[in-house]
Every structure is written in structure tokens, then in C-alpha cells.
Amino acid sequence: MTVLAGTPVLELRDVVKRYPGEPPLEVLSGVSLTVQAGEMVAVVGPSGSGKSTLLHLVGTLDRPSEGMVRVAGHDVGRLSDRRLSALRSRGIGFVFQQFFLLEGMNAVDNVAQGLLYAGTGPAERRRRAEDALRRVGLGHRLRHRPAQLSGGERQRVAIARAVLARPAVVLADEPTGNLDSASGNEILALLQELNREGTTIMVITHDRDLAGHLPRRVELLDGRVVHDSGVAS
């Protein structure tokens, strides 16, 4: 899904997210944020700041209680569940701390799962998966299963799966959280390389050191944006 450079990929306007209760629990309070195509942004904050909730909203895994969330030009609140699923599968790539690889499949087949619902034939899925793995430096590990790969290599497989369909944005949730420092630095370098090639990336993390290496940092605290280095003060 192509979004022209310099146009918004993600837009949040006065977003509120609350959950039922007595009283209701408000997790996000009036959040506004715009991410342009080609940006690399870190969303940082302590536990309970609203980072995971923000991830769920921009990843179309949940809907706002108030306000607008727009992904690749689509207003999430106005889409049916079917259209929302289609947007999620074509427009968003996910990278998680836990990798979520299937142990019974080799690297190629794990990555090819990223096109399972795109109507692409098995041979083409595997060909594109091999290309994606080579792109992340795993051309020599195509037939290896997750148990035969290091933590850093497993995360590279997950990243290859995330970028396979050329999504409008890649959302990376604590992508170095399960890795040692050397492997974490390699994953950071890979994400930066993909960004230089044009991939829009949002990294959600509590790691301020990791966030400090990214060109834009958005800080959440108690459900509000308290700092955005991409907005002039």
C-alpha cells in the first residue's frame, strides 16, 4: 500500500480512549498526532502511559471512544470490521517483542504467512518471502526453523514478514525488548536502514536510549502527549 512521501500515514485528532467501569477508566486523553510517510518515530513513556492503547488504535486493533484515527487516509471509526481487517492486512506491518513465529515452519514459510490472505499463490508468496529475508540479511537462513535461529535472527524474520506486503507503516512494539544489547543494536540499525529506503516506522518503547537514536520522539504520560520533537514549541 503506497502512501506518497510527505503525506500523512497516521493521523490522530483529539483521541480519547476509555474503558467501562465505575468510574470509567480513561487511558488516552485528547491525543493528537500526525506521522508523515517516510518518518521514523519513537513513542516513549513509562508503563501505564498509554503506549499500548495508542498502538492498538493506530494498528486498527481497537477504536477510539472519541476523536478520529486515520490510517493511510482511512478513518478507522467509519470502516466496517471487514474493511478494517483488509486495511490492517495490507496497510500495516506489525513487529512484536515476542516474534510470534511458528516453530514447525522454516523462515521462508513463516514470512510467507504475511501474504496468506492477500490472494497471492503459494509459489509467489515464497518467492517474495525469500526476497524479504535477503533484504534483512538472512539469505543464508532461508530453510532454518526458529529454534535454529538466534534471537536477533528471529526478530529479523519477524521484520521481513512485516514488510513483505509493503505496508504504509510498520508498527514495532518493543522490538529489541527480548534481545541482548548487541542484537538489539543490529535490529535498530536494520529498522533505520529500512526507513532510509522509504519505510514509515513507528517504534513503541519504554527504552529512552533506543528512542534517543530515532529522529522524532513522542512522549506520553498519563494518556497525554507531553512532548513531541517533531512539533515546534
C-alpha atoms as a PDB file:
ATOM      1  CA  MET A   1       0.000   0.000   0.000  1.00  0.00           C
ATOM      2  CA  THR A   2       1.787   3.124  -1.239  1.00  0.00           C
ATOM      3  CA  VAL A   3       1.485   6.480   0.503  1.00  0.00           C
ATOM      4  CA  LEU A   4       3.355   9.366  -1.111  1.00  0.00           C
ATOM      5  CA  ALA A   5       6.241  10.837   0.878  1.00  0.00           C
ATOM      6  CA  GLY A   6       5.243  13.938   2.796  1.00  0.00           C
ATOM      7  CA  THR A   7       1.589  12.912   3.162  1.00  0.00           C
ATOM      8  CA  PRO A   8       0.092  11.650   6.430  1.00  0.00           C
ATOM      9  CA  VAL A   9       0.188   7.918   7.107  1.00  0.00           C
ATOM     10  CA  LEU A  10      -1.207   8.180  10.636  1.00  0.00           C
ATOM     11  CA  GLU A  11      -3.431  10.943  11.986  1.00  0.00           C
ATOM     12  CA  LEU A  12      -4.975  11.202  15.443  1.00  0.00           C
ATOM     13  CA  ARG A  13      -7.200  14.152  16.313  1.00  0.00           C
ATOM     14  CA  ASP A  14      -8.360  14.710  19.909  1.00  0.00           C
ATOM     15  CA  VAL A  15      -8.415  10.967  20.543  1.00  0.00           C
ATOM     16  CA  VAL A  16      -9.890   9.695  23.777  1.00  0.00           C
ATOM     17  CA  LYS A  17      -9.969   6.046  24.814  1.00  0.00           C
ATOM     18  CA  ARG A  18     -11.863   4.983  27.901  1.00  0.00           C
ATOM     19  CA  TYR A  19     -12.944   1.623  29.228  1.00  0.00           C
ATOM     20  CA  PRO A  20     -16.186   0.900  31.115  1.00  0.00           C
ATOM     21  CA  GLY A  21     -16.168   0.934  34.888  1.00  0.00           C
ATOM     22  CA  GLU A  22     -17.278   2.918  37.905  1.00  0.00           C
ATOM     23  CA  PRO A  23     -15.850   5.388  37.225  1.00  0.00           C
ATOM     24  CA  PRO A  24     -14.785   4.759  33.582  1.00  0.00           C
ATOM     25  CA  LEU A  25     -11.030   4.410  33.060  1.00  0.00           C
ATOM     26  CA  GLU A  26      -9.687   6.999  30.606  1.00  0.00           C
ATOM     27  CA  VAL A  27      -6.389   5.717  29.164  1.00  0.00           C
ATOM     28  CA  LEU A  28      -5.871   8.307  26.415  1.00  0.00           C
ATOM     29  CA  SER A  29      -7.000  11.907  26.839  1.00  0.00           C
ATOM     30  CA  GLY A  30      -7.162  14.220  23.828  1.00  0.00           C
ATOM     31  CA  VAL A  31      -4.191  12.827  21.909  1.00  0.00           C
ATOM     32  CA  SER A  32      -3.368  14.490  18.569  1.00  0.00           C
ATOM     33  CA  LEU A  33      -0.517  13.208  16.412  1.00  0.00           C
ATOM     34  CA  THR A  34       0.425  13.142  12.727  1.00  0.00           C
ATOM     35  CA  VAL A  35       3.068  10.861  11.166  1.00  0.00           C
ATOM     36  CA  GLN A  36       4.096  11.589   7.589  1.00  0.00           C
ATOM     37  CA  ALA A  37       5.108   8.966   5.044  1.00  0.00           C
ATOM     38  CA  GLY A  38       8.809   8.208   5.362  1.00  0.00           C
ATOM     39  CA  GLU A  39       9.128   9.240   9.016  1.00  0.00           C
ATOM     40  CA  MET A  40      10.668   7.182  11.808  1.00  0.00           C
ATOM     41  CA  VAL A  41       9.076   7.954  15.154  1.00  0.00           C
ATOM     42  CA  ALA A  42       9.583   6.661  18.674  1.00  0.00           C
ATOM     43  CA  VAL A  43       6.622   6.724  21.059  1.00  0.00           C
ATOM     44  CA  VAL A  44       8.083   6.563  24.549  1.00  0.00           C
ATOM     45  CA  GLY A  45       6.707   6.605  28.067  1.00  0.00           C
ATOM     46  CA  PRO A  46       6.582   4.617  31.308  1.00  0.00           C
ATOM     47  CA  SER A  47       4.256   1.706  31.960  1.00  0.00           C
ATOM     48  CA  GLY A  48       0.682   2.948  32.153  1.00  0.00           C
ATOM     49  CA  SER A  49       1.327   5.996  29.998  1.00  0.00           C
ATOM     50  CA  GLY A  50      -0.990   4.781  27.202  1.00  0.00           C
ATOM     51  CA  LYS A  51       1.583   3.453  24.709  1.00  0.00           C
ATOM     52  CA  SER A  52      -0.076   0.060  24.241  1.00  0.00           C
ATOM     53  CA  THR A  53      -3.504   1.639  23.849  1.00  0.00           C
ATOM     54  CA  LEU A  54      -2.111   4.018  21.221  1.00  0.00           C
ATOM     55  CA  LEU A  55      -0.579   1.031  19.410  1.00  0.00           C
ATOM     56  CA  HIS A  56      -3.930  -0.756  19.387  1.00  0.00           C
ATOM     57  CA  LEU A  57      -5.677   2.298  17.957  1.00  0.00           C
ATOM     58  CA  VAL A  58      -3.205   3.105  15.168  1.00  0.00           C
ATOM     59  CA  GLY A  59      -2.917  -0.625  14.434  1.00  0.00           C
ATOM     60  CA  THR A  60      -6.740  -0.749  13.979  1.00  0.00           C
ATOM     61  CA  LEU A  61      -6.983  -3.385  16.713  1.00  0.00           C
ATOM     62  CA  ASP A  62      -9.349  -1.096  18.636  1.00  0.00           C
ATOM     63  CA  ARG A  63     -11.441   2.016  18.007  1.00  0.00           C
ATOM     64  CA  PRO A  64     -11.349   5.346  19.843  1.00  0.00           C
ATOM     65  CA  SER A  65     -14.071   6.365  22.271  1.00  0.00           C
ATOM     66  CA  GLU A  66     -13.865   9.917  20.907  1.00  0.00           C
ATOM     67  CA  GLY A  67     -11.883  11.702  18.223  1.00  0.00           C
ATOM     68  CA  MET A  68     -10.529  10.499  14.892  1.00  0.00           C
ATOM     69  CA  VAL A  69      -7.905   7.930  13.948  1.00  0.00           C
ATOM     70  CA  ARG A  70      -6.954   7.898  10.278  1.00  0.00           C
ATOM     71  CA  VAL A  71      -4.601   5.271   8.790  1.00  0.00           C
ATOM     72  CA  ALA A  72      -3.336   5.639   5.219  1.00  0.00           C
ATOM     73  CA  GLY A  73      -6.176   8.090   4.584  1.00  0.00           C
ATOM     74  CA  HIS A  74      -8.924   5.863   6.034  1.00  0.00           C
ATOM     75  CA  ASP A  75     -10.986   6.968   9.029  1.00  0.00           C
ATOM     76  CA  VAL A  76     -10.879   3.880  11.258  1.00  0.00           C
ATOM     77  CA  GLY A  77     -14.105   4.806  13.038  1.00  0.00           C
ATOM     78  CA  ARG A  78     -16.091   4.741   9.772  1.00  0.00           C
ATOM     79  CA  LEU A  79     -14.903   1.348   8.475  1.00  0.00           C
ATOM     80  CA  SER A  80     -16.793  -1.923   8.788  1.00  0.00           C
ATOM     81  CA  ASP A  81     -14.989  -4.799  10.506  1.00  0.00           C
ATOM     82  CA  ARG A  82     -14.323  -6.381   7.107  1.00  0.00           C
ATOM     83  CA  ARG A  83     -12.778  -3.232   5.631  1.00  0.00           C
ATOM     84  CA  LEU A  84     -10.840  -2.689   8.835  1.00  0.00           C
ATOM     85  CA  SER A  85      -9.336  -6.177   8.553  1.00  0.00           C
ATOM     86  CA  ALA A  86      -8.412  -5.508   4.932  1.00  0.00           C
ATOM     87  CA  LEU A  87      -6.709  -2.237   5.879  1.00  0.00           C
ATOM     88  CA  ARG A  88      -4.818  -3.987   8.675  1.00  0.00           C
ATOM     89  CA  SER A  89      -3.573  -6.784   6.414  1.00  0.00           C
ATOM     90  CA  ARG A  90      -2.489  -4.517   3.532  1.00  0.00           C
ATOM     91  CA  GLY A  91      -1.579  -1.255   5.199  1.00  0.00           C
ATOM     92  CA  ILE A  92       0.099  -2.158   8.499  1.00  0.00           C
ATOM     93  CA  GLY A  93       3.096  -4.326   9.333  1.00  0.00           C
ATOM     94  CA  PHE A  94       3.492  -5.466  12.944  1.00  0.00           C
ATOM     95  CA  VAL A  95       6.713  -6.335  14.763  1.00  0.00           C
ATOM     96  CA  PHE A  96       6.349  -7.553  18.349  1.00  0.00           C
ATOM     97  CA  GLN A  97       8.753  -8.273  21.168  1.00  0.00           C
ATOM     98  CA  GLN A  98       7.752 -11.967  21.199  1.00  0.00           C
ATOM     99  CA  PHE A  99       8.432 -12.634  17.448  1.00  0.00           C
ATOM    100  CA  PHE A 100       5.306 -14.879  17.023  1.00  0.00           C
ATOM    101  CA  LEU A 101       6.973 -17.361  14.657  1.00  0.00           C
ATOM    102  CA  LEU A 102       5.599 -20.852  14.054  1.00  0.00           C
ATOM    103  CA  GLU A 103       8.131 -23.432  15.233  1.00  0.00           C
ATOM    104  CA  GLY A 104       7.065 -26.043  12.669  1.00  0.00           C
ATOM    105  CA  MET A 105       7.856 -23.754   9.717  1.00  0.00           C
ATOM    106  CA  ASN A 106      11.147 -22.558   8.306  1.00  0.00           C
ATOM    107  CA  ALA A 107      11.972 -18.877   7.879  1.00  0.00           C
ATOM    108  CA  VAL A 108      10.592 -18.657   4.334  1.00  0.00           C
ATOM    109  CA  ASP A 109       7.238 -20.158   5.246  1.00  0.00           C
ATOM    110  CA  ASN A 110       6.948 -18.015   8.385  1.00  0.00           C
ATOM    111  CA  VAL A 111       7.465 -14.869   6.332  1.00  0.00           C
ATOM    112  CA  ALA A 112       5.162 -16.087   3.544  1.00  0.00           C
ATOM    113  CA  GLN A 113       2.337 -16.159   6.117  1.00  0.00           C
ATOM    114  CA  GLY A 114       2.283 -12.382   5.764  1.00  0.00           C
ATOM    115  CA  LEU A 115       0.606 -12.777   2.353  1.00  0.00           C
ATOM    116  CA  LEU A 116      -1.676 -15.656   3.277  1.00  0.00           C
ATOM    117  CA  TYR A 117      -4.872 -13.586   2.937  1.00  0.00           C
ATOM    118  CA  ALA A 118      -3.735 -11.391   0.061  1.00  0.00           C
ATOM    119  CA  GLY A 119      -4.832 -13.763  -2.707  1.00  0.00           C
ATOM    120  CA  THR A 120      -1.214 -14.499  -3.679  1.00  0.00           C
ATOM    121  CA  GLY A 121      -0.342 -18.032  -4.829  1.00  0.00           C
ATOM    122  CA  PRO A 122       1.976 -20.230  -2.699  1.00  0.00           C
ATOM    123  CA  ALA A 123       4.934 -20.092  -5.108  1.00  0.00           C
ATOM    124  CA  GLU A 124       4.771 -16.295  -5.376  1.00  0.00           C
ATOM    125  CA  ARG A 125       4.406 -15.970  -1.590  1.00  0.00           C
ATOM    126  CA  ARG A 126       7.582 -17.996  -1.065  1.00  0.00           C
ATOM    127  CA  ARG A 127       9.491 -16.104  -3.760  1.00  0.00           C
ATOM    128  CA  ARG A 128       8.634 -12.770  -2.191  1.00  0.00           C
ATOM    129  CA  ALA A 129       9.383 -14.149   1.275  1.00  0.00           C
ATOM    130  CA  GLU A 130      12.856 -15.175   0.136  1.00  0.00           C
ATOM    131  CA  ASP A 131      13.436 -11.692  -1.278  1.00  0.00           C
ATOM    132  CA  ALA A 132      12.301 -10.115   2.014  1.00  0.00           C
ATOM    133  CA  LEU A 133      14.620 -12.359   4.042  1.00  0.00           C
ATOM    134  CA  ARG A 134      17.552 -11.437   1.832  1.00  0.00           C
ATOM    135  CA  ARG A 135      16.636  -7.788   2.336  1.00  0.00           C
ATOM    136  CA  VAL A 136      17.053  -8.190   6.116  1.00  0.00           C
ATOM    137  CA  GLY A 137      20.313 -10.115   5.770  1.00  0.00           C
ATOM    138  CA  LEU A 138      19.021 -13.674   6.190  1.00  0.00           C
ATOM    139  CA  GLY A 139      19.609 -15.065   2.715  1.00  0.00           C
ATOM    140  CA  HIS A 140      21.748 -17.786   4.312  1.00  0.00           C
ATOM    141  CA  ARG A 141      18.998 -18.841   6.771  1.00  0.00           C
ATOM    142  CA  LEU A 142      16.031 -19.365   4.451  1.00  0.00           C
ATOM    143  CA  ARG A 143      15.398 -23.019   5.424  1.00  0.00           C
ATOM    144  CA  HIS A 144      16.173 -22.709   9.123  1.00  0.00           C
ATOM    145  CA  ARG A 145      13.394 -23.060  11.696  1.00  0.00           C
ATOM    146  CA  PRO A 146      13.015 -20.621  14.606  1.00  0.00           C
ATOM    147  CA  ALA A 147      14.725 -22.964  17.086  1.00  0.00           C
ATOM    148  CA  GLN A 148      17.809 -22.904  14.838  1.00  0.00           C
ATOM    149  CA  LEU A 149      17.983 -19.099  14.837  1.00  0.00           C
ATOM    150  CA  SER A 150      19.320 -16.611  17.376  1.00  0.00           C
ATOM    151  CA  GLY A 151      17.004 -14.075  18.984  1.00  0.00           C
ATOM    152  CA  GLY A 152      18.243 -11.359  16.654  1.00  0.00           C
ATOM    153  CA  GLU A 153      17.719 -13.600  13.630  1.00  0.00           C
ATOM    154  CA  ARG A 154      14.171 -14.458  14.757  1.00  0.00           C
ATOM    155  CA  GLN A 155      13.399 -10.756  15.028  1.00  0.00           C
ATOM    156  CA  ARG A 156      14.787 -10.243  11.507  1.00  0.00           C
ATOM    157  CA  VAL A 157      12.371 -12.924  10.281  1.00  0.00           C
ATOM    158  CA  ALA A 158       9.516 -11.081  12.005  1.00  0.00           C
ATOM    159  CA  ILE A 159      10.586  -7.809  10.378  1.00  0.00           C
ATOM    160  CA  ALA A 160      10.774  -9.475   6.950  1.00  0.00           C
ATOM    161  CA  ARG A 161       7.202 -10.716   7.463  1.00  0.00           C
ATOM    162  CA  ALA A 162       6.096  -7.210   8.493  1.00  0.00           C
ATOM    163  CA  VAL A 163       7.483  -5.502   5.375  1.00  0.00           C
ATOM    164  CA  LEU A 164       6.517  -8.266   2.934  1.00  0.00           C
ATOM    165  CA  ALA A 165       3.311  -6.623   1.719  1.00  0.00           C
ATOM    166  CA  ARG A 166       4.952  -3.182   1.540  1.00  0.00           C
ATOM    167  CA  PRO A 167       2.609  -1.681   4.153  1.00  0.00           C
ATOM    168  CA  ALA A 168       2.031   2.025   4.607  1.00  0.00           C
ATOM    169  CA  VAL A 169       3.541   1.830   8.098  1.00  0.00           C
ATOM    170  CA  VAL A 170       5.410  -0.669  10.277  1.00  0.00           C
ATOM    171  CA  LEU A 171       4.488  -0.636  13.982  1.00  0.00           C
ATOM    172  CA  ALA A 172       7.278  -2.069  16.138  1.00  0.00           C
ATOM    173  CA  ASP A 173       6.307  -2.795  19.748  1.00  0.00           C
ATOM    174  CA  GLU A 174       9.445  -3.068  21.943  1.00  0.00           C
ATOM    175  CA  PRO A 175      11.312  -4.711  19.015  1.00  0.00           C
ATOM    176  CA  THR A 176      14.568  -5.051  20.983  1.00  0.00           C
ATOM    177  CA  GLY A 177      12.980  -5.950  24.331  1.00  0.00           C
ATOM    178  CA  ASN A 178      13.860  -9.674  24.226  1.00  0.00           C
ATOM    179  CA  LEU A 179      17.353  -9.209  22.793  1.00  0.00           C
ATOM    180  CA  ASP A 180      20.821  -8.700  24.201  1.00  0.00           C
ATOM    181  CA  SER A 181      22.382  -5.299  23.569  1.00  0.00           C
ATOM    182  CA  ALA A 182      24.408  -6.384  20.517  1.00  0.00           C
ATOM    183  CA  SER A 183      21.394  -7.986  18.818  1.00  0.00           C
ATOM    184  CA  GLY A 184      19.242  -5.016  19.806  1.00  0.00           C
ATOM    185  CA  ASN A 185      21.679  -2.637  18.146  1.00  0.00           C
ATOM    186  CA  GLU A 186      21.597  -4.757  14.973  1.00  0.00           C
ATOM    187  CA  ILE A 187      17.778  -4.617  14.887  1.00  0.00           C
ATOM    188  CA  LEU A 188      17.832  -0.857  15.432  1.00  0.00           C
ATOM    189  CA  ALA A 189      20.309  -0.491  12.551  1.00  0.00           C
ATOM    190  CA  LEU A 190      18.093  -2.644  10.335  1.00  0.00           C
ATOM    191  CA  LEU A 191      14.989  -0.569  11.113  1.00  0.00           C
ATOM    192  CA  GLN A 192      16.959   2.592  10.352  1.00  0.00           C
ATOM    193  CA  GLU A 193      18.102   1.111   7.040  1.00  0.00           C
ATOM    194  CA  LEU A 194      14.540   0.177   6.089  1.00  0.00           C
ATOM    195  CA  ASN A 195      13.468   3.711   6.974  1.00  0.00           C
ATOM    196  CA  ARG A 196      16.162   5.193   4.730  1.00  0.00           C
ATOM    197  CA  GLU A 197      14.741   3.051   1.945  1.00  0.00           C
ATOM    198  CA  GLY A 198      11.360   4.711   2.479  1.00  0.00           C
ATOM    199  CA  THR A 199       9.527   2.559   5.054  1.00  0.00           C
ATOM    200  CA  THR A 200       7.495   4.540   7.593  1.00  0.00           C
ATOM    201  CA  ILE A 201       8.214   3.173  11.062  1.00  0.00           C
ATOM    202  CA  MET A 202       6.715   3.834  14.492  1.00  0.00           C
ATOM    203  CA  VAL A 203       8.555   2.256  17.424  1.00  0.00           C
ATOM    204  CA  ILE A 204       6.680   1.932  20.723  1.00  0.00           C
ATOM    205  CA  THR A 205       9.098   1.593  23.637  1.00  0.00           C
ATOM    206  CA  HIS A 206       9.850   2.456  27.245  1.00  0.00           C
ATOM    207  CA  ASP A 207      13.577   2.475  26.375  1.00  0.00           C
ATOM    208  CA  ARG A 208      14.671   6.107  26.237  1.00  0.00           C
ATOM    209  CA  ASP A 209      18.109   5.144  24.954  1.00  0.00           C
ATOM    210  CA  LEU A 210      16.528   3.398  21.961  1.00  0.00           C
ATOM    211  CA  ALA A 211      14.188   6.346  21.411  1.00  0.00           C
ATOM    212  CA  GLY A 212      17.147   8.712  21.532  1.00  0.00           C
ATOM    213  CA  HIS A 213      18.544   7.139  18.358  1.00  0.00           C
ATOM    214  CA  LEU A 214      15.412   7.925  16.334  1.00  0.00           C
ATOM    215  CA  PRO A 215      14.842  11.235  14.533  1.00  0.00           C
ATOM    216  CA  ARG A 216      11.492  12.011  16.201  1.00  0.00           C
ATOM    217  CA  ARG A 217      10.322  11.248  19.717  1.00  0.00           C
ATOM    218  CA  VAL A 218       6.772  11.483  21.060  1.00  0.00           C
ATOM    219  CA  GLU A 219       6.485  11.179  24.849  1.00  0.00           C
ATOM    220  CA  LEU A 220       3.305  10.006  26.562  1.00  0.00           C
ATOM    221  CA  LEU A 221       2.495  10.461  30.225  1.00  0.00           C
ATOM    222  CA  ASP A 222      -0.832   9.656  31.873  1.00  0.00           C
ATOM    223  CA  GLY A 223      -2.528   9.313  28.494  1.00  0.00           C
ATOM    224  CA  ARG A 224      -1.390  12.645  27.077  1.00  0.00           C
ATOM    225  CA  VAL A 225       1.345  13.754  24.695  1.00  0.00           C
ATOM    226  CA  VAL A 226       3.711  15.794  26.855  1.00  0.00           C
ATOM    227  CA  HIS A 227       6.479  16.228  24.277  1.00  0.00           C
ATOM    228  CA  ASP A 228       6.849  15.817  20.509  1.00  0.00           C
ATOM    229  CA  SER A 229      10.228  16.651  19.000  1.00  0.00           C
ATOM    230  CA  GLY A 230       8.563  16.869  15.586  1.00  0.00           C
ATOM    231  CA  VAL A 231       6.374  19.812  16.612  1.00  0.00           C
ATOM    232  CA  ALA A 232       7.823  23.291  17.013  1.00  0.00           C
ATOM    233  CA  SER A 233       7.395  24.670  20.501  1.00  0.00           C
END
